[in-house]
PDB file of N, CA and C in Angstrom:
ATOM      1  N   MET A   1      11.992   5.523 -12.433  1.00  0.00           N
ATOM      2  CA  MET A   1      11.930   4.468 -13.422  1.00  0.00           C
ATOM      3  C   MET A   1      10.960   3.380 -12.995  1.00  0.00           C
ATOM      4  N   THR A   2      10.995   3.014 -11.717  1.00  0.00           N
ATOM      5  CA  THR A   2      10.097   1.948 -11.276  1.00  0.00           C
ATOM      6  C   THR A   2       8.636   2.390 -11.348  1.00  0.00           C
ATOM      7  N   TRP A   3       8.372   3.665 -11.057  1.00  0.00           N
ATOM      8  CA  TRP A   3       6.993   4.168 -11.150  1.00  0.00           C
ATOM      9  C   TRP A   3       6.493   4.080 -12.593  1.00  0.00           C
ATOM     10  N   ASN A   4       7.322   4.487 -13.543  1.00  0.00           N
ATOM     11  CA  ASN A   4       6.928   4.426 -14.945  1.00  0.00           C
ATOM     12  C   ASN A   4       6.713   2.987 -15.400  1.00  0.00           C
ATOM     13  N   LEU A   5       7.540   2.079 -14.943  1.00  0.00           N
ATOM     14  CA  LEU A   5       7.370   0.667 -15.281  1.00  0.00           C
ATOM     15  C   LEU A   5       6.066   0.132 -14.685  1.00  0.00           C
ATOM     16  N   ALA A   6       5.780   0.515 -13.447  1.00  0.00           N
ATOM     17  CA  ALA A   6       4.536   0.069 -12.816  1.00  0.00           C
ATOM     18  C   ALA A   6       3.323   0.610 -13.560  1.00  0.00           C
ATOM     19  N   VAL A   7       3.369   1.858 -14.000  1.00  0.00           N
ATOM     20  CA  VAL A   7       2.261   2.428 -14.767  1.00  0.00           C
ATOM     21  C   VAL A   7       2.091   1.683 -16.081  1.00  0.00           C
ATOM     22  N   LYS A   8       3.186   1.327 -16.698  1.00  0.00           N
ATOM     23  CA  LYS A   8       3.124   0.592 -17.963  1.00  0.00           C
ATOM     24  C   LYS A   8       2.506  -0.792 -17.765  1.00  0.00           C
ATOM     25  N   VAL A   9       2.879  -1.474 -16.690  1.00  0.00           N
ATOM     26  CA  VAL A   9       2.407  -2.839 -16.456  1.00  0.00           C
ATOM     27  C   VAL A   9       0.991  -2.854 -15.872  1.00  0.00           C
ATOM     28  N   LEU A  10       0.733  -2.022 -14.854  1.00  0.00           N
ATOM     29  CA  LEU A  10      -0.536  -2.076 -14.133  1.00  0.00           C
ATOM     30  C   LEU A  10      -1.564  -1.055 -14.616  1.00  0.00           C
ATOM     31  N   GLY A  11      -1.095   0.012 -15.207  1.00  0.00           N
ATOM     32  CA  GLY A  11      -1.990   1.112 -15.563  1.00  0.00           C
ATOM     33  C   GLY A  11      -1.908   2.197 -14.498  1.00  0.00           C
ATOM     34  N   ALA A  12      -2.322   3.383 -14.864  1.00  0.00           N
ATOM     35  CA  ALA A  12      -2.179   4.543 -13.977  1.00  0.00           C
ATOM     36  C   ALA A  12      -3.056   4.442 -12.736  1.00  0.00           C
ATOM     37  N   VAL A  13      -4.285   3.976 -12.892  1.00  0.00           N
ATOM     38  CA  VAL A  13      -5.211   3.931 -11.758  1.00  0.00           C
ATOM     39  C   VAL A  13      -4.749   2.927 -10.716  1.00  0.00           C
ATOM     40  N   ARG A  14      -4.420   1.722 -11.139  1.00  0.00           N
ATOM     41  CA  ARG A  14      -3.991   0.704 -10.180  1.00  0.00           C
ATOM     42  C   ARG A  14      -2.660   1.068  -9.545  1.00  0.00           C
ATOM     43  N   THR A  15      -1.769   1.690 -10.289  1.00  0.00           N
ATOM     44  CA  THR A  15      -0.479   2.083  -9.725  1.00  0.00           C
ATOM     45  C   THR A  15      -0.653   3.176  -8.682  1.00  0.00           C
ATOM     46  N   SER A  16      -1.549   4.107  -8.918  1.00  0.00           N
ATOM     47  CA  SER A  16      -1.731   5.208  -7.970  1.00  0.00           C
ATOM     48  C   SER A  16      -2.265   4.722  -6.631  1.00  0.00           C
ATOM     49  N   VAL A  17      -2.970   3.606  -6.617  1.00  0.00           N
ATOM     50  CA  VAL A  17      -3.474   3.042  -5.361  1.00  0.00           C
ATOM     51  C   VAL A  17      -2.306   2.624  -4.465  1.00  0.00           C
ATOM     52  N   TYR A  18      -1.250   2.129  -5.045  1.00  0.00           N
ATOM     53  CA  TYR A  18      -0.125   1.622  -4.261  1.00  0.00           C
ATOM     54  C   TYR A  18       0.748   2.719  -3.666  1.00  0.00           C
ATOM     55  N   ILE A  19       0.490   3.966  -4.004  1.00  0.00           N
ATOM     56  CA  ILE A  19       1.222   5.061  -3.367  1.00  0.00           C
ATOM     57  C   ILE A  19       0.943   5.073  -1.868  1.00  0.00           C
ATOM     58  N   TYR A  20      -0.212   4.515  -1.477  1.00  0.00           N
ATOM     59  CA  TYR A  20      -0.568   4.472  -0.063  1.00  0.00           C
ATOM     60  C   TYR A  20       0.261   3.452   0.713  1.00  0.00           C
ATOM     61  N   MET A  21       1.058   2.667   0.033  1.00  0.00           N
ATOM     62  CA  MET A  21       1.944   1.721   0.718  1.00  0.00           C
ATOM     63  C   MET A  21       3.255   2.379   1.159  1.00  0.00           C
ATOM     64  N   VAL A  22       3.523   3.579   0.699  1.00  0.00           N
ATOM     65  CA  VAL A  22       4.761   4.265   1.061  1.00  0.00           C
ATOM     66  C   VAL A  22       4.891   4.444   2.576  1.00  0.00           C
ATOM     67  N   PRO A  23       3.865   4.893   3.306  1.00  0.00           N
ATOM     68  CA  PRO A  23       4.019   5.011   4.760  1.00  0.00           C
ATOM     69  C   PRO A  23       4.249   3.663   5.449  1.00  0.00           C
ATOM     70  N   VAL A  24       3.615   2.623   4.942  1.00  0.00           N
ATOM     71  CA  VAL A  24       3.799   1.285   5.521  1.00  0.00           C
ATOM     72  C   VAL A  24       5.242   0.828   5.336  1.00  0.00           C
ATOM     73  N   ILE A  25       5.765   0.998   4.146  1.00  0.00           N
ATOM     74  CA  ILE A  25       7.150   0.622   3.868  1.00  0.00           C
ATOM     75  C   ILE A  25       8.100   1.459   4.718  1.00  0.00           C
ATOM     76  N   THR A  26       7.780   2.728   4.909  1.00  0.00           N
ATOM     77  CA  THR A  26       8.611   3.597   5.742  1.00  0.00           C
ATOM     78  C   THR A  26       8.646   3.125   7.183  1.00  0.00           C
ATOM     79  N   VAL A  27       7.497   2.748   7.736  1.00  0.00           N
ATOM     80  CA  VAL A  27       7.449   2.264   9.121  1.00  0.00           C
ATOM     81  C   VAL A  27       8.251   0.978   9.261  1.00  0.00           C
ATOM     82  N   VAL A  28       8.045   0.033   8.357  1.00  0.00           N
ATOM     83  CA  VAL A  28       8.762  -1.245   8.431  1.00  0.00           C
ATOM     84  C   VAL A  28      10.265  -1.025   8.288  1.00  0.00           C
ATOM     85  N   THR A  29      10.666  -0.193   7.351  1.00  0.00           N
ATOM     86  CA  THR A  29      12.091   0.074   7.144  1.00  0.00           C
ATOM     87  C   THR A  29      12.706   0.768   8.349  1.00  0.00           C
ATOM     88  N   SER A  30      11.988   1.723   8.938  1.00  0.00           N
ATOM     89  CA  SER A  30      12.542   2.426  10.098  1.00  0.00           C
ATOM     90  C   SER A  30      12.690   1.500  11.298  1.00  0.00           C
ATOM     91  N   VAL A  31      11.793   0.547  11.434  1.00  0.00           N
ATOM     92  CA  VAL A  31      11.909  -0.415  12.535  1.00  0.00           C
ATOM     93  C   VAL A  31      13.086  -1.361  12.289  1.00  0.00           C
ATOM     94  N   LEU A  32      13.208  -1.867  11.071  1.00  0.00           N
ATOM     95  CA  LEU A  32      14.257  -2.850  10.778  1.00  0.00           C
ATOM     96  C   LEU A  32      15.649  -2.233  10.684  1.00  0.00           C
ATOM     97  N   ILE A  33      15.769  -1.094  10.038  1.00  0.00           N
ATOM     98  CA  ILE A  33      17.098  -0.523   9.789  1.00  0.00           C
ATOM     99  C   ILE A  33      17.517   0.468  10.867  1.00  0.00           C
ATOM    100  N   LEU A  34      16.610   1.365  11.233  1.00  0.00           N
ATOM    101  CA  LEU A  34      16.962   2.407  12.187  1.00  0.00           C
ATOM    102  C   LEU A  34      16.680   2.020  13.638  1.00  0.00           C
ATOM    103  N   LYS A  35      16.064   0.843  13.835  1.00  0.00           N
ATOM    104  CA  LYS A  35      15.724   0.353  15.188  1.00  0.00           C
ATOM    105  C   LYS A  35      14.793   1.309  15.923  1.00  0.00           C
ATOM    106  N   GLU A  36      13.879   1.931  15.173  1.00  0.00           N
ATOM    107  CA  GLU A  36      12.878   2.813  15.768  1.00  0.00           C
ATOM    108  C   GLU A  36      11.900   1.972  16.581  1.00  0.00           C
ATOM    109  N   PRO A  37      11.381   2.519  17.666  1.00  0.00           N
ATOM    110  CA  PRO A  37      10.381   1.761  18.431  1.00  0.00           C
ATOM    111  C   PRO A  37       9.045   1.718  17.688  1.00  0.00           C
ATOM    112  N   VAL A  38       8.326   0.624  17.860  1.00  0.00           N
ATOM    113  CA  VAL A  38       7.006   0.482  17.274  1.00  0.00           C
ATOM    114  C   VAL A  38       6.002   1.083  18.250  1.00  0.00           C
ATOM    115  N   THR A  39       5.253   2.071  17.796  1.00  0.00           N
ATOM    116  CA  THR A  39       4.270   2.727  18.658  1.00  0.00           C
ATOM    117  C   THR A  39       2.861   2.354  18.199  1.00  0.00           C
ATOM    118  N   TRP A  40       1.892   2.617  19.069  1.00  0.00           N
ATOM    119  CA  TRP A  40       0.501   2.349  18.699  1.00  0.00           C
ATOM    120  C   TRP A  40       0.071   3.209  17.529  1.00  0.00           C
ATOM    121  N   VAL A  41       0.589   4.404  17.447  1.00  0.00           N
ATOM    122  CA  VAL A  41       0.238   5.297  16.347  1.00  0.00           C
ATOM    123  C   VAL A  41       0.736   4.717  15.018  1.00  0.00           C
ATOM    124  N   SER A  42       1.965   4.219  15.001  1.00  0.00           N
ATOM    125  CA  SER A  42       2.489   3.644  13.762  1.00  0.00           C
ATOM    126  C   SER A  42       1.762   2.355  13.398  1.00  0.00           C
ATOM    127  N   ILE A  43       1.384   1.568  14.387  1.00  0.00           N
ATOM    128  CA  ILE A  43       0.633   0.336  14.126  1.00  0.00           C
ATOM    129  C   ILE A  43      -0.738   0.675  13.544  1.00  0.00           C
ATOM    130  N   MET A  44      -1.434   1.619  14.167  1.00  0.00           N
ATOM    131  CA  MET A  44      -2.761   1.993  13.688  1.00  0.00           C
ATOM    132  C   MET A  44      -2.691   2.637  12.296  1.00  0.00           C
ATOM    133  N   GLY A  45      -1.681   3.449  12.061  1.00  0.00           N
ATOM    134  CA  GLY A  45      -1.522   4.047  10.742  1.00  0.00           C
ATOM    135  C   GLY A  45      -1.261   3.004   9.676  1.00  0.00           C
ATOM    136  N   THR A  46      -0.439   2.017  10.008  1.00  0.00           N
ATOM    137  CA  THR A  46      -0.158   0.932   9.078  1.00  0.00           C
ATOM    138  C   THR A  46      -1.415   0.126   8.789  1.00  0.00           C
ATOM    139  N   VAL A  47      -2.152  -0.198   9.835  1.00  0.00           N
ATOM    140  CA  VAL A  47      -3.391  -0.963   9.660  1.00  0.00           C
ATOM    141  C   VAL A  47      -4.390  -0.191   8.801  1.00  0.00           C
ATOM    142  N   LEU A  48      -4.546   1.089   9.068  1.00  0.00           N
ATOM    143  CA  LEU A  48      -5.482   1.899   8.293  1.00  0.00           C
ATOM    144  C   LEU A  48      -5.059   2.032   6.824  1.00  0.00           C
ATOM    145  N   ALA A  49      -3.763   2.185   6.590  1.00  0.00           N
ATOM    146  CA  ALA A  49      -3.283   2.306   5.212  1.00  0.00           C
ATOM    147  C   ALA A  49      -3.507   1.002   4.439  1.00  0.00           C
ATOM    148  N   VAL A  50      -3.208  -0.123   5.074  1.00  0.00           N
ATOM    149  CA  VAL A  50      -3.406  -1.417   4.408  1.00  0.00           C
ATOM    150  C   VAL A  50      -4.894  -1.701   4.223  1.00  0.00           C
ATOM    151  N   ALA A  51      -5.714  -1.369   5.218  1.00  0.00           N
ATOM    152  CA  ALA A  51      -7.157  -1.566   5.092  1.00  0.00           C
ATOM    153  C   ALA A  51      -7.719  -0.702   3.960  1.00  0.00           C
ATOM    154  N   GLY A  52      -7.268   0.515   3.854  1.00  0.00           N
ATOM    155  CA  GLY A  52      -7.703   1.386   2.759  1.00  0.00           C
ATOM    156  C   GLY A  52      -7.300   0.846   1.404  1.00  0.00           C
ATOM    157  N   LEU A  53      -6.107   0.279   1.329  1.00  0.00           N
ATOM    158  CA  LEU A  53      -5.651  -0.320   0.079  1.00  0.00           C
ATOM    159  C   LEU A  53      -6.545  -1.494  -0.314  1.00  0.00           C
ATOM    160  N   PHE A  54      -6.840  -2.363   0.651  1.00  0.00           N
ATOM    161  CA  PHE A  54      -7.695  -3.507   0.349  1.00  0.00           C
ATOM    162  C   PHE A  54      -9.106  -3.069  -0.017  1.00  0.00           C
ATOM    163  N   LEU A  55      -9.635  -2.074   0.682  1.00  0.00           N
ATOM    164  CA  LEU A  55     -10.974  -1.583   0.357  1.00  0.00           C
ATOM    165  C   LEU A  55     -11.032  -0.967  -1.041  1.00  0.00           C
ATOM    166  N   SER A  56      -9.988  -0.266  -1.416  1.00  0.00           N
ATOM    167  CA  SER A  56      -9.989   0.358  -2.734  1.00  0.00           C
ATOM    168  C   SER A  56      -9.827  -0.673  -3.844  1.00  0.00           C
ATOM    169  N   GLU A  57      -9.221  -1.811  -3.553  1.00  0.00           N
ATOM    170  CA  GLU A  57      -9.038  -2.855  -4.551  1.00  0.00           C
ATOM    171  C   GLU A  57     -10.219  -3.816  -4.627  1.00  0.00           C
ATOM    172  N   TYR A  58     -11.045  -3.858  -3.589  1.00  0.00           N
ATOM    173  CA  TYR A  58     -12.179  -4.771  -3.546  1.00  0.00           C
ATOM    174  C   TYR A  58     -13.266  -4.280  -4.486  1.00  0.00           C
ATOM    175  N   ASN A  59     -13.701  -5.150  -5.401  1.00  0.00           N
ATOM    176  CA  ASN A  59     -14.708  -4.713  -6.369  1.00  0.00           C
ATOM    177  C   ASN A  59     -16.116  -5.170  -6.004  1.00  0.00           C
ATOM    178  N   GLY A  60     -16.289  -5.942  -4.948  1.00  0.00           N
ATOM    179  CA  GLY A  60     -17.601  -6.335  -4.489  1.00  0.00           C
ATOM    180  C   GLY A  60     -18.270  -7.430  -5.284  1.00  0.00           C
ATOM    181  N   LYS A  61     -17.589  -8.011  -6.230  1.00  0.00           N
ATOM    182  CA  LYS A  61     -18.185  -9.042  -7.073  1.00  0.00           C
ATOM    183  C   LYS A  61     -17.475 -10.377  -6.919  1.00  0.00           C
ATOM    184  N   GLY A  62     -16.853 -10.619  -5.792  1.00  0.00           N
ATOM    185  CA  GLY A  62     -16.142 -11.877  -5.600  1.00  0.00           C
ATOM    186  C   GLY A  62     -14.767 -11.835  -6.221  1.00  0.00           C
ATOM    187  N   SER A  63     -14.279 -12.990  -6.627  1.00  0.00           N
ATOM    188  CA  SER A  63     -12.915 -13.068  -7.136  1.00  0.00           C
ATOM    189  C   SER A  63     -12.822 -12.877  -8.639  1.00  0.00           C
ATOM    190  N   GLY A  64     -13.941 -12.631  -9.310  1.00  0.00           N
ATOM    191  CA  GLY A  64     -13.910 -12.427 -10.764  1.00  0.00           C
ATOM    192  C   GLY A  64     -13.282 -11.116 -11.124  1.00  0.00           C
ATOM    193  N   ASN A  65     -12.644 -11.076 -12.273  1.00  0.00           N
ATOM    194  CA  ASN A  65     -11.995  -9.861 -12.747  1.00  0.00           C
ATOM    195  C   ASN A  65     -12.998  -9.074 -13.574  1.00  0.00           C
ATOM    196  N   SER A  66     -13.285  -7.848 -13.186  1.00  0.00           N
ATOM    197  CA  SER A  66     -14.309  -7.053 -13.860  1.00  0.00           C
ATOM    198  C   SER A  66     -13.754  -6.239 -15.018  1.00  0.00           C
ATOM    199  N   GLU A  67     -12.494  -6.380 -15.339  1.00  0.00           N
ATOM    200  CA  GLU A  67     -11.905  -5.594 -16.421  1.00  0.00           C
ATOM    201  C   GLU A  67     -12.161  -6.255 -17.697  1.00  0.00           C
TER     202      GLU A  67
END
């Protein structure tokens, strides 16, 4: 239901970009709830996933909305 609502509000393309946040949310949740240790691999994976998200959202034209 939340995915369908997000597609309705943001559109399919913008919503599909946020699927890459699932591993980040998984790492944070496992650390907070399951008390999993934070490893360099999980840190680097989180950084790469967030960097990829920001790069995919950056339109190269400043803060103006190109839509």
